[in-house]
N, C-alpha and C. Protein backbone atom coordinates (compact mmCIF):
# COMPACT_ATOMS: atom_id res chain seq x y z
N MET A 1 158.15 49.96 198.56
CA MET A 1 158.35 48.53 198.78
C MET A 1 159.82 48.28 199.11
N SER A 2 160.11 47.47 200.12
CA SER A 2 161.47 47.23 200.56
C SER A 2 162.24 46.40 199.55
N THR A 3 163.58 46.46 199.66
CA THR A 3 164.44 45.68 198.78
C THR A 3 164.16 44.19 198.91
N ARG A 4 163.90 43.74 200.13
CA ARG A 4 163.61 42.32 200.36
C ARG A 4 162.36 41.89 199.62
N ARG A 5 161.31 42.73 199.66
CA ARG A 5 160.06 42.38 198.98
C ARG A 5 160.25 42.39 197.47
N TYR A 6 161.05 43.33 196.95
CA TYR A 6 161.36 43.34 195.52
C TYR A 6 162.08 42.05 195.11
N THR A 7 163.02 41.62 195.95
CA THR A 7 163.77 40.40 195.65
C THR A 7 162.86 39.18 195.62
N ILE A 8 161.98 39.06 196.61
CA ILE A 8 161.05 37.94 196.66
C ILE A 8 160.12 37.95 195.45
N LEU A 9 159.64 39.14 195.08
CA LEU A 9 158.74 39.26 193.93
C LEU A 9 159.46 38.89 192.64
N PHE A 10 160.73 39.29 192.50
CA PHE A 10 161.51 38.96 191.31
C PHE A 10 161.70 37.45 191.18
N ILE A 11 162.06 36.79 192.28
CA ILE A 11 162.26 35.34 192.25
C ILE A 11 160.96 34.63 191.91
N TYR A 12 159.86 35.09 192.49
CA TYR A 12 158.56 34.48 192.20
C TYR A 12 158.22 34.61 190.73
N ARG A 13 158.43 35.80 190.17
CA ARG A 13 158.13 36.02 188.76
C ARG A 13 159.01 35.16 187.87
N LEU A 14 160.28 34.99 188.25
CA LEU A 14 161.19 34.16 187.48
C LEU A 14 160.73 32.71 187.46
N LEU A 15 160.30 32.20 188.61
CA LEU A 15 159.87 30.81 188.71
C LEU A 15 158.55 30.55 188.01
N THR A 16 157.72 31.58 187.83
CA THR A 16 156.42 31.39 187.22
C THR A 16 156.39 31.75 185.74
N LEU A 17 157.51 32.22 185.20
CA LEU A 17 157.55 32.50 183.77
C LEU A 17 157.55 31.20 182.99
N PRO A 18 156.89 31.14 181.83
CA PRO A 18 156.99 29.96 180.98
C PRO A 18 158.43 29.75 180.53
N SER A 19 158.83 28.50 180.32
CA SER A 19 160.19 28.21 179.89
C SER A 19 160.53 28.90 178.58
N SER A 20 159.56 28.96 177.65
CA SER A 20 159.80 29.57 176.35
C SER A 20 160.08 31.06 176.50
N ALA A 21 159.44 31.69 177.52
CA ALA A 21 159.67 33.12 177.75
C ALA A 21 161.04 33.34 178.38
N GLN A 22 161.45 32.45 179.25
CA GLN A 22 162.74 32.58 179.89
C GLN A 22 163.87 32.40 178.90
N GLY A 23 163.77 31.37 178.06
CA GLY A 23 164.86 31.05 177.15
C GLY A 23 165.99 30.30 177.80
N PHE A 24 165.92 30.12 179.13
CA PHE A 24 166.96 29.42 179.86
C PHE A 24 166.34 28.46 180.86
N ASN A 25 167.14 27.47 181.26
CA ASN A 25 166.71 26.54 182.31
C ASN A 25 167.75 26.53 183.41
N PHE A 26 167.30 26.24 184.64
CA PHE A 26 168.18 26.21 185.80
C PHE A 26 167.79 25.02 186.68
N ASN A 27 168.74 24.57 187.47
CA ASN A 27 168.46 23.49 188.41
C ASN A 27 169.36 23.57 189.62
N ILE A 28 168.85 23.06 190.72
CA ILE A 28 169.63 22.91 191.95
C ILE A 28 169.11 21.68 192.66
N GLY A 29 170.02 20.86 193.19
CA GLY A 29 169.58 19.62 193.82
C GLY A 29 170.62 19.00 194.73
N VAL A 30 170.18 18.09 195.58
CA VAL A 30 171.04 17.36 196.50
C VAL A 30 170.53 15.93 196.60
N GLY A 31 171.36 15.05 197.15
CA GLY A 31 170.93 13.68 197.36
C GLY A 31 172.10 12.78 197.71
N PRO A 32 171.84 11.50 197.91
CA PRO A 32 172.91 10.56 198.23
C PRO A 32 173.74 10.25 196.99
N GLY A 33 174.99 9.85 197.23
CA GLY A 33 175.87 9.48 196.12
C GLY A 33 176.54 8.15 196.43
N PHE A 34 176.59 7.26 195.44
CA PHE A 34 177.08 5.90 195.64
C PHE A 34 178.32 5.64 194.79
N PRO A 35 179.45 5.28 195.40
CA PRO A 35 180.64 4.90 194.62
C PRO A 35 180.43 3.55 193.96
N LEU A 36 180.99 3.37 192.78
CA LEU A 36 180.86 2.13 192.03
C LEU A 36 182.23 1.58 191.66
N SER A 37 182.25 0.31 191.26
CA SER A 37 183.45 -0.35 190.75
C SER A 37 184.59 -0.21 191.77
N ARG A 38 185.80 0.09 191.30
CA ARG A 38 186.96 0.19 192.19
C ARG A 38 186.85 1.36 193.15
N THR A 39 186.07 2.37 192.79
CA THR A 39 185.89 3.51 193.69
C THR A 39 185.27 3.06 195.00
N SER A 40 184.38 2.07 194.94
CA SER A 40 183.71 1.59 196.15
C SER A 40 184.66 0.79 197.05
N ASP A 41 185.85 0.42 196.52
CA ASP A 41 186.82 -0.29 197.35
C ASP A 41 187.44 0.62 198.40
N PHE A 42 187.50 1.92 198.13
CA PHE A 42 188.12 2.82 199.11
C PHE A 42 187.16 3.89 199.63
N ALA A 43 186.01 4.07 199.02
CA ALA A 43 185.07 5.11 199.47
C ALA A 43 183.69 4.49 199.71
N HIS A 44 182.95 5.11 200.62
CA HIS A 44 181.59 4.63 200.86
C HIS A 44 180.58 5.74 200.57
N THR A 45 179.32 5.43 200.77
CA THR A 45 178.22 6.32 200.39
C THR A 45 178.35 7.68 201.06
N SER A 46 178.06 8.73 200.28
CA SER A 46 178.12 10.09 200.81
C SER A 46 176.94 10.88 200.26
N TYR A 47 177.18 12.12 199.83
CA TYR A 47 176.11 12.95 199.29
C TYR A 47 176.64 13.74 198.10
N ASN A 48 175.73 14.27 197.31
CA ASN A 48 176.12 15.10 196.19
C ASN A 48 175.28 16.38 196.18
N PHE A 49 175.85 17.42 195.57
CA PHE A 49 175.17 18.70 195.41
C PHE A 49 175.44 19.19 193.98
N VAL A 50 174.38 19.65 193.29
CA VAL A 50 174.54 20.14 191.92
C VAL A 50 173.82 21.46 191.75
N VAL A 51 174.35 22.29 190.86
CA VAL A 51 173.69 23.52 190.45
C VAL A 51 174.08 23.78 188.99
N GLY A 52 173.09 24.16 188.19
CA GLY A 52 173.40 24.34 186.77
C GLY A 52 172.39 25.20 186.05
N GLY A 53 172.64 25.39 184.78
CA GLY A 53 171.74 26.19 183.95
C GLY A 53 172.23 26.23 182.52
N GLY A 54 171.34 26.63 181.62
CA GLY A 54 171.71 26.71 180.22
C GLY A 54 170.54 27.13 179.35
N PRO A 55 170.76 27.26 178.04
CA PRO A 55 169.70 27.73 177.14
C PRO A 55 168.75 26.60 176.74
N ASN A 56 167.49 26.98 176.48
CA ASN A 56 166.53 26.08 175.86
C ASN A 56 166.69 26.18 174.35
N LEU A 57 166.88 25.06 173.67
CA LEU A 57 167.08 25.07 172.23
C LEU A 57 165.75 25.02 171.48
N ILE A 58 165.10 23.89 171.56
CA ILE A 58 163.78 23.70 170.97
C ILE A 58 162.94 23.00 172.03
N PRO A 59 161.62 22.90 171.86
CA PRO A 59 160.81 22.22 172.87
C PRO A 59 161.37 20.84 173.23
N HIS A 60 161.56 20.62 174.50
CA HIS A 60 162.03 19.34 175.06
C HIS A 60 163.52 19.08 174.82
N VAL A 61 164.27 20.04 174.32
CA VAL A 61 165.72 19.88 174.16
C VAL A 61 166.41 21.10 174.78
N LYS A 62 167.32 20.84 175.73
CA LYS A 62 167.99 21.91 176.45
C LYS A 62 169.47 21.61 176.59
N LEU A 63 170.25 22.66 176.73
CA LEU A 63 171.65 22.53 177.12
C LEU A 63 171.79 22.93 178.58
N ASN A 64 172.76 22.30 179.26
CA ASN A 64 172.90 22.54 180.69
C ASN A 64 174.38 22.46 181.08
N ALA A 65 174.91 23.54 181.67
CA ALA A 65 176.25 23.54 182.25
C ALA A 65 176.09 23.36 183.75
N GLU A 66 176.80 22.39 184.32
CA GLU A 66 176.51 22.02 185.70
C GLU A 66 177.78 21.84 186.53
N PHE A 67 177.71 22.35 187.77
CA PHE A 67 178.76 22.10 188.77
C PHE A 67 178.25 21.03 189.73
N MET A 68 179.12 20.08 190.06
CA MET A 68 178.75 19.03 191.02
C MET A 68 179.83 18.87 192.07
N PHE A 69 179.40 18.69 193.32
CA PHE A 69 180.28 18.26 194.41
C PHE A 69 179.79 16.90 194.88
N HIS A 70 180.73 15.96 195.05
CA HIS A 70 180.37 14.61 195.50
C HIS A 70 181.39 14.18 196.54
N GLY A 71 180.93 13.84 197.73
CA GLY A 71 181.83 13.37 198.78
C GLY A 71 182.34 11.97 198.50
N LEU A 72 183.59 11.71 198.88
CA LEU A 72 184.19 10.38 198.75
C LEU A 72 184.86 10.01 200.08
N PRO A 73 184.09 9.81 201.15
CA PRO A 73 184.68 9.48 202.45
C PRO A 73 185.38 8.12 202.40
N VAL A 74 186.64 8.11 202.83
CA VAL A 74 187.45 6.89 202.75
C VAL A 74 187.03 5.91 203.84
N ARG A 75 187.04 4.64 203.48
CA ARG A 75 186.62 3.59 204.41
C ARG A 75 187.56 3.51 205.62
N ASP A 76 186.99 3.17 206.78
CA ASP A 76 187.74 3.15 208.03
C ASP A 76 188.89 2.16 208.01
N ASN A 77 188.70 0.99 207.39
CA ASN A 77 189.77 0.00 207.39
C ASN A 77 191.00 0.49 206.61
N ILE A 78 190.78 1.29 205.58
CA ILE A 78 191.90 1.85 204.83
C ILE A 78 192.59 2.93 205.64
N ILE A 79 191.80 3.75 206.35
CA ILE A 79 192.39 4.79 207.19
C ILE A 79 193.29 4.16 208.25
N HIS A 80 192.84 3.07 208.84
CA HIS A 80 193.63 2.40 209.87
C HIS A 80 194.89 1.79 209.29
N GLN A 81 194.79 1.23 208.09
CA GLN A 81 195.98 0.66 207.44
C GLN A 81 197.03 1.72 207.15
N LEU A 82 196.57 2.91 206.79
CA LEU A 82 197.49 4.00 206.48
C LEU A 82 198.08 4.63 207.74
N GLY A 83 197.41 4.44 208.86
CA GLY A 83 197.92 4.97 210.11
C GLY A 83 197.58 6.43 210.36
N PHE A 84 196.60 6.95 209.65
CA PHE A 84 196.17 8.33 209.86
C PHE A 84 194.92 8.36 210.74
N SER A 85 194.63 9.54 211.27
CA SER A 85 193.42 9.67 212.07
C SER A 85 192.19 9.91 211.21
N ASN A 86 192.38 10.48 210.01
CA ASN A 86 191.24 10.75 209.14
C ASN A 86 191.74 10.96 207.71
N VAL A 87 190.98 10.46 206.76
CA VAL A 87 191.27 10.67 205.34
C VAL A 87 189.96 11.00 204.64
N LYS A 88 189.92 12.11 203.92
CA LYS A 88 188.71 12.54 203.24
C LYS A 88 188.95 12.66 201.74
N GLY A 89 187.96 12.28 200.99
CA GLY A 89 188.03 12.41 199.54
C GLY A 89 186.85 13.23 199.02
N ARG A 90 187.07 13.93 197.92
CA ARG A 90 186.02 14.75 197.32
C ARG A 90 186.17 14.70 195.81
N LEU A 91 185.05 14.91 195.13
CA LEU A 91 185.06 14.98 193.68
C LEU A 91 184.29 16.22 193.25
N TYR A 92 184.92 17.04 192.41
CA TYR A 92 184.27 18.22 191.84
C TYR A 92 184.20 18.04 190.33
N SER A 93 183.16 18.59 189.72
CA SER A 93 183.08 18.49 188.27
C SER A 93 182.39 19.71 187.68
N LEU A 94 182.78 20.02 186.45
CA LEU A 94 182.11 21.00 185.61
C LEU A 94 181.82 20.30 184.30
N THR A 95 180.55 20.14 183.97
CA THR A 95 180.17 19.39 182.78
C THR A 95 179.20 20.17 181.91
N GLY A 96 179.25 19.87 180.62
CA GLY A 96 178.26 20.38 179.69
C GLY A 96 177.37 19.23 179.26
N ASN A 97 176.04 19.42 179.31
CA ASN A 97 175.11 18.31 179.10
C ASN A 97 173.97 18.70 178.17
N VAL A 98 173.40 17.67 177.56
CA VAL A 98 172.20 17.82 176.74
C VAL A 98 171.05 17.12 177.45
N ILE A 99 169.91 17.79 177.55
CA ILE A 99 168.72 17.22 178.17
C ILE A 99 167.64 17.07 177.10
N VAL A 100 167.15 15.85 176.93
CA VAL A 100 166.08 15.57 175.97
C VAL A 100 164.91 14.98 176.74
N GLY A 101 163.76 15.66 176.70
CA GLY A 101 162.63 15.23 177.50
C GLY A 101 161.39 14.92 176.69
N SER A 102 160.41 14.37 177.38
CA SER A 102 159.14 14.04 176.74
C SER A 102 158.05 14.02 177.80
N SER A 103 156.88 14.52 177.46
CA SER A 103 155.75 14.52 178.39
C SER A 103 155.21 13.11 178.54
N ILE A 104 154.90 12.72 179.79
CA ILE A 104 154.33 11.39 180.05
C ILE A 104 152.99 11.51 180.76
N GLY A 105 152.42 12.69 180.74
CA GLY A 105 151.13 12.91 181.39
C GLY A 105 151.01 14.34 181.84
N ALA A 106 149.88 14.68 182.37
CA ALA A 106 149.63 16.05 182.82
C ALA A 106 150.61 16.45 183.91
N GLY A 107 151.45 17.44 183.62
CA GLY A 107 152.40 17.92 184.61
C GLY A 107 153.55 16.98 184.91
N LYS A 108 153.75 15.95 184.07
CA LYS A 108 154.82 14.99 184.30
C LYS A 108 155.67 14.86 183.05
N ASN A 109 156.98 14.79 183.25
CA ASN A 109 157.92 14.65 182.13
C ASN A 109 159.03 13.68 182.50
N ALA A 110 159.49 12.95 181.51
CA ALA A 110 160.67 12.10 181.66
C ALA A 110 161.75 12.65 180.75
N TYR A 111 163.00 12.49 181.14
CA TYR A 111 164.08 13.02 180.31
C TYR A 111 165.35 12.18 180.43
N LEU A 112 166.18 12.30 179.42
CA LEU A 112 167.52 11.74 179.42
C LEU A 112 168.51 12.89 179.48
N ILE A 113 169.62 12.69 180.17
CA ILE A 113 170.65 13.72 180.26
C ILE A 113 172.02 13.05 180.13
N GLY A 114 172.91 13.71 179.41
CA GLY A 114 174.25 13.16 179.23
C GLY A 114 175.20 14.22 178.72
N GLY A 115 176.48 14.00 178.96
CA GLY A 115 177.48 14.94 178.49
C GLY A 115 178.85 14.59 179.02
N GLY A 116 179.73 15.56 179.00
CA GLY A 116 181.10 15.34 179.46
C GLY A 116 181.69 16.62 180.00
N GLY A 117 182.89 16.48 180.58
CA GLY A 117 183.54 17.66 181.12
C GLY A 117 184.76 17.34 181.94
N TRP A 118 185.02 18.20 182.91
CA TRP A 118 186.24 18.16 183.72
C TRP A 118 185.90 17.70 185.13
N TYR A 119 186.72 16.77 185.65
CA TYR A 119 186.53 16.23 186.99
C TYR A 119 187.83 16.39 187.79
N ARG A 120 187.68 16.71 189.07
CA ARG A 120 188.85 16.90 189.95
C ARG A 120 188.60 16.12 191.24
N ARG A 121 189.45 15.13 191.50
CA ARG A 121 189.34 14.32 192.71
C ARG A 121 190.47 14.69 193.67
N THR A 122 190.14 14.93 194.91
CA THR A 122 191.14 15.25 195.92
C THR A 122 191.05 14.27 197.08
N ILE A 123 192.20 13.90 197.61
CA ILE A 123 192.29 13.05 198.80
C ILE A 123 193.17 13.78 199.80
N GLU A 124 192.69 13.90 201.03
CA GLU A 124 193.41 14.65 202.06
C GLU A 124 193.52 13.81 203.32
N ALA A 125 194.78 13.64 203.81
CA ALA A 125 195.03 12.84 205.01
C ALA A 125 195.34 13.76 206.18
N LYS A 126 194.75 13.44 207.34
CA LYS A 126 194.98 14.22 208.55
C LYS A 126 195.48 13.31 209.67
N GLN A 127 196.25 13.91 210.58
CA GLN A 127 196.78 13.18 211.72
C GLN A 127 196.57 13.99 212.99
N THR A 128 196.26 13.29 214.07
CA THR A 128 196.09 13.95 215.35
C THR A 128 197.45 14.27 215.96
N VAL A 129 197.62 15.50 216.40
CA VAL A 129 198.89 15.92 217.03
C VAL A 129 198.58 16.48 218.41
N LEU A 130 199.59 16.41 219.29
CA LEU A 130 199.48 16.92 220.65
C LEU A 130 200.41 18.11 220.81
N ARG A 131 199.90 19.16 221.44
CA ARG A 131 200.71 20.33 221.72
C ARG A 131 200.69 20.58 223.22
N VAL A 132 201.87 20.64 223.82
CA VAL A 132 202.01 20.75 225.26
C VAL A 132 202.27 22.21 225.65
N GLY A 133 201.78 22.59 226.83
CA GLY A 133 202.08 23.91 227.35
C GLY A 133 201.10 24.98 226.93
N GLU A 134 200.00 24.61 226.29
CA GLU A 134 198.99 25.57 225.90
C GLU A 134 198.08 25.88 227.09
N ILE A 135 197.50 27.09 227.08
CA ILE A 135 196.53 27.44 228.10
C ILE A 135 195.18 26.84 227.72
N CYS A 136 194.57 26.13 228.64
CA CYS A 136 193.30 25.48 228.34
C CYS A 136 192.19 26.52 228.17
N GLU A 137 191.56 26.51 227.04
CA GLU A 137 190.44 27.37 226.72
C GLU A 137 189.31 26.49 226.18
N PRO A 138 188.10 27.03 226.08
CA PRO A 138 186.99 26.22 225.53
C PRO A 138 187.12 26.05 224.01
N TRP A 139 188.03 25.17 223.60
CA TRP A 139 188.33 24.98 222.18
C TRP A 139 187.37 24.02 221.49
N TRP A 140 186.42 23.46 222.22
CA TRP A 140 185.66 22.35 221.65
C TRP A 140 184.95 22.71 220.37
N TRP A 141 184.57 24.00 220.17
CA TRP A 141 183.87 24.34 218.93
C TRP A 141 184.81 24.38 217.73
N TRP A 142 186.13 24.28 217.98
CA TRP A 142 187.11 24.19 216.88
C TRP A 142 187.59 22.76 216.70
N ASP A 143 186.84 21.79 217.19
CA ASP A 143 187.17 20.37 217.04
C ASP A 143 188.51 20.05 217.70
N ALA A 144 188.77 20.63 218.85
CA ALA A 144 190.00 20.34 219.60
C ALA A 144 189.63 20.16 221.07
N GLN A 145 190.43 19.36 221.78
CA GLN A 145 190.20 19.13 223.20
C GLN A 145 191.45 19.49 223.96
N CYS A 146 191.27 20.12 225.11
CA CYS A 146 192.40 20.54 225.94
C CYS A 146 192.27 19.89 227.30
N VAL A 147 193.26 19.07 227.66
CA VAL A 147 193.25 18.38 228.94
C VAL A 147 194.60 18.59 229.61
N ASN A 148 194.57 19.21 230.79
CA ASN A 148 195.79 19.43 231.57
C ASN A 148 196.88 20.14 230.76
N GLY A 149 196.47 21.14 229.97
CA GLY A 149 197.46 21.90 229.22
C GLY A 149 197.91 21.26 227.93
N ILE A 150 197.32 20.13 227.53
CA ILE A 150 197.68 19.46 226.28
C ILE A 150 196.50 19.54 225.32
N ILE A 151 196.73 20.07 224.14
CA ILE A 151 195.68 20.22 223.14
C ILE A 151 195.86 19.18 222.05
N THR A 152 194.78 18.50 221.72
CA THR A 152 194.79 17.57 220.58
C THR A 152 194.06 18.22 219.42
N SER A 153 194.66 18.17 218.26
CA SER A 153 194.03 18.72 217.06
C SER A 153 194.49 17.94 215.85
N GLU A 154 193.79 18.14 214.73
CA GLU A 154 194.14 17.45 213.49
C GLU A 154 194.81 18.42 212.53
N VAL A 155 195.90 17.95 211.93
CA VAL A 155 196.60 18.75 210.92
C VAL A 155 196.70 17.94 209.64
N THR A 156 196.68 18.61 208.51
CA THR A 156 196.82 17.94 207.23
C THR A 156 198.27 17.54 207.00
N VAL A 157 198.51 16.26 206.77
CA VAL A 157 199.87 15.76 206.59
C VAL A 157 200.15 15.37 205.15
N GLY A 158 199.14 15.37 204.32
CA GLY A 158 199.36 15.03 202.91
C GLY A 158 198.08 15.11 202.11
N SER A 159 198.22 15.36 200.83
CA SER A 159 197.05 15.42 199.95
C SER A 159 197.48 15.04 198.54
N ARG A 160 196.52 14.61 197.77
CA ARG A 160 196.78 14.23 196.38
C ARG A 160 195.58 14.62 195.55
N THR A 161 195.84 15.19 194.38
CA THR A 161 194.78 15.65 193.49
C THR A 161 194.99 15.07 192.10
N SER A 162 193.90 14.68 191.48
CA SER A 162 193.94 14.18 190.10
C SER A 162 192.81 14.83 189.32
N SER A 163 193.15 15.48 188.22
CA SER A 163 192.16 16.10 187.34
C SER A 163 192.14 15.37 186.00
N ALA A 164 190.95 15.16 185.48
CA ALA A 164 190.83 14.39 184.24
C ALA A 164 189.49 14.67 183.59
N GLY A 165 189.38 14.28 182.33
CA GLY A 165 188.11 14.35 181.65
C GLY A 165 187.22 13.19 182.04
N GLY A 166 185.96 13.30 181.70
CA GLY A 166 185.02 12.24 182.01
C GLY A 166 183.69 12.47 181.34
N PHE A 167 182.75 11.57 181.59
CA PHE A 167 181.42 11.70 180.99
C PHE A 167 180.36 11.26 181.98
N ASN A 168 179.12 11.56 181.65
CA ASN A 168 178.00 11.15 182.48
C ASN A 168 176.79 10.84 181.61
N LEU A 169 175.92 10.00 182.13
CA LEU A 169 174.70 9.61 181.41
C LEU A 169 173.65 9.17 182.42
N GLY A 170 172.42 9.64 182.23
CA GLY A 170 171.37 9.25 183.15
C GLY A 170 170.01 9.74 182.71
N GLY A 171 169.09 9.77 183.63
CA GLY A 171 167.74 10.19 183.32
C GLY A 171 166.98 10.54 184.57
N GLY A 172 165.79 11.11 184.37
CA GLY A 172 165.01 11.52 185.52
C GLY A 172 163.55 11.75 185.20
N LEU A 173 162.81 12.08 186.25
CA LEU A 173 161.40 12.41 186.14
C LEU A 173 161.18 13.80 186.73
N MET A 174 160.28 14.58 186.12
CA MET A 174 159.93 15.91 186.61
C MET A 174 158.44 16.00 186.85
N PHE A 175 158.07 16.71 187.92
CA PHE A 175 156.68 16.88 188.30
C PHE A 175 156.42 18.37 188.49
N GLN A 176 155.51 18.92 187.69
CA GLN A 176 155.24 20.35 187.72
C GLN A 176 154.72 20.79 189.08
N LEU A 177 155.21 21.94 189.54
CA LEU A 177 154.78 22.50 190.80
C LEU A 177 153.70 23.55 190.54
N GLY A 178 152.46 23.17 190.75
CA GLY A 178 151.35 24.08 190.54
C GLY A 178 151.21 24.51 189.09
N GLU A 179 150.97 25.81 188.88
CA GLU A 179 150.82 26.35 187.53
C GLU A 179 152.10 26.99 187.02
N SER A 180 153.18 26.90 187.79
CA SER A 180 154.44 27.54 187.40
C SER A 180 155.20 26.64 186.43
N SER A 181 156.32 27.18 185.94
CA SER A 181 157.20 26.38 185.07
C SER A 181 158.23 25.61 185.90
N SER A 182 158.17 25.72 187.21
CA SER A 182 159.11 25.00 188.08
C SER A 182 158.68 23.55 188.24
N ASN A 183 159.65 22.67 188.35
CA ASN A 183 159.39 21.25 188.48
C ASN A 183 160.26 20.64 189.57
N PHE A 184 159.66 19.77 190.36
CA PHE A 184 160.44 18.92 191.24
C PHE A 184 161.00 17.78 190.40
N TYR A 185 162.28 17.45 190.59
CA TYR A 185 162.85 16.37 189.78
C TYR A 185 163.59 15.36 190.64
N ALA A 186 163.57 14.12 190.16
CA ALA A 186 164.34 13.03 190.75
C ALA A 186 165.17 12.44 189.62
N GLU A 187 166.47 12.34 189.84
CA GLU A 187 167.38 11.97 188.74
C GLU A 187 168.46 11.03 189.24
N VAL A 188 168.82 10.06 188.41
CA VAL A 188 169.95 9.19 188.68
C VAL A 188 170.89 9.29 187.48
N ARG A 189 172.18 9.41 187.77
CA ARG A 189 173.14 9.61 186.69
C ARG A 189 174.47 8.92 187.00
N TYR A 190 175.02 8.27 186.01
CA TYR A 190 176.32 7.60 186.13
C TYR A 190 177.41 8.55 185.66
N HIS A 191 178.44 8.73 186.50
CA HIS A 191 179.60 9.55 186.15
C HIS A 191 180.85 8.68 186.14
N ARG A 192 181.68 8.88 185.13
CA ARG A 192 182.97 8.18 185.07
C ARG A 192 184.05 9.19 184.73
N ALA A 193 185.03 9.32 185.62
CA ALA A 193 186.15 10.24 185.42
C ALA A 193 187.43 9.43 185.30
N PHE A 194 188.24 9.76 184.30
CA PHE A 194 189.46 8.99 184.01
C PHE A 194 190.63 9.51 184.85
N THR A 195 190.45 9.52 186.18
CA THR A 195 191.45 10.02 187.09
C THR A 195 192.63 9.06 187.20
N ARG A 196 193.78 9.61 187.62
CA ARG A 196 195.03 8.86 187.67
C ARG A 196 194.94 7.70 188.66
N ASN A 197 195.63 6.62 188.34
CA ASN A 197 195.73 5.40 189.15
C ASN A 197 194.42 4.63 189.22
N VAL A 198 193.37 5.24 189.73
CA VAL A 198 192.07 4.58 189.82
C VAL A 198 191.02 5.50 189.22
N GLU A 199 190.29 5.01 188.22
CA GLU A 199 189.19 5.80 187.67
C GLU A 199 188.11 5.99 188.73
N THR A 200 187.42 7.11 188.65
CA THR A 200 186.38 7.43 189.63
C THR A 200 185.01 7.19 189.02
N ASN A 201 184.25 6.27 189.62
CA ASN A 201 182.92 5.93 189.14
C ASN A 201 181.91 6.15 190.25
N ILE A 202 180.90 6.96 189.99
CA ILE A 202 179.90 7.26 191.01
C ILE A 202 178.50 7.25 190.40
N LEU A 203 177.51 7.08 191.26
CA LEU A 203 176.11 7.07 190.84
C LEU A 203 175.31 7.94 191.80
N PRO A 204 175.27 9.26 191.57
CA PRO A 204 174.48 10.13 192.44
C PRO A 204 172.99 10.05 192.13
N LEU A 205 172.19 10.06 193.19
CA LEU A 205 170.74 10.14 193.10
C LEU A 205 170.36 11.52 193.61
N THR A 206 169.76 12.34 192.75
CA THR A 206 169.56 13.75 193.06
C THR A 206 168.09 14.12 193.06
N PHE A 207 167.70 14.92 194.05
CA PHE A 207 166.35 15.47 194.15
C PHE A 207 166.47 16.99 194.20
N GLY A 208 165.65 17.69 193.41
CA GLY A 208 165.78 19.13 193.43
C GLY A 208 164.69 19.82 192.63
N ILE A 209 164.99 21.03 192.20
CA ILE A 209 164.06 21.88 191.45
C ILE A 209 164.68 22.24 190.10
N ARG A 210 163.91 22.07 189.05
CA ARG A 210 164.28 22.57 187.70
C ARG A 210 163.25 23.60 187.29
N TRP A 211 163.72 24.69 186.70
CA TRP A 211 162.79 25.69 186.19
C TRP A 211 163.36 26.39 184.98
């Protein structure tokens, strides 16, 4: 049997093991993310990505360590006021959480999740620059344009980072996938990070798989 087939078989067996046999839980998900409060004054809707895992304690109670990425694209009117060509914001987090669930029907569960951890917000400003005397090549796949020997490209002219503690609280629904221990989940969670100058408040809506 090839290595690829062994890998597929291993993943299948992992997803179909009962949670009690595994002793651990895992999740991966993506979805839209919404800035709240003062955060919405400078950022607009983006997306979030999460991946996590942790031990099962007792039935319906789990621990979960989770990494999250959340985009914070800066609003166009602010970019124009600053005089830059582009400004991007991002939020990263590492949190420890408790998940408490309850069955609400055959193959359906509801749960609450909450915890705290470390959050890192970055803001990066870019400006368009012109370089004269370059040989025109097909640069378009590098996000640059060359016209009559002049290349336009974006360079980073400044960045700012703020790291701080924070917390999150939310809940979700899980729907069992067939006879396996894997579940499709839909979750909404409020995150608040005590970042410098302006606290970061977001509300990601996540869809993914828990097993």
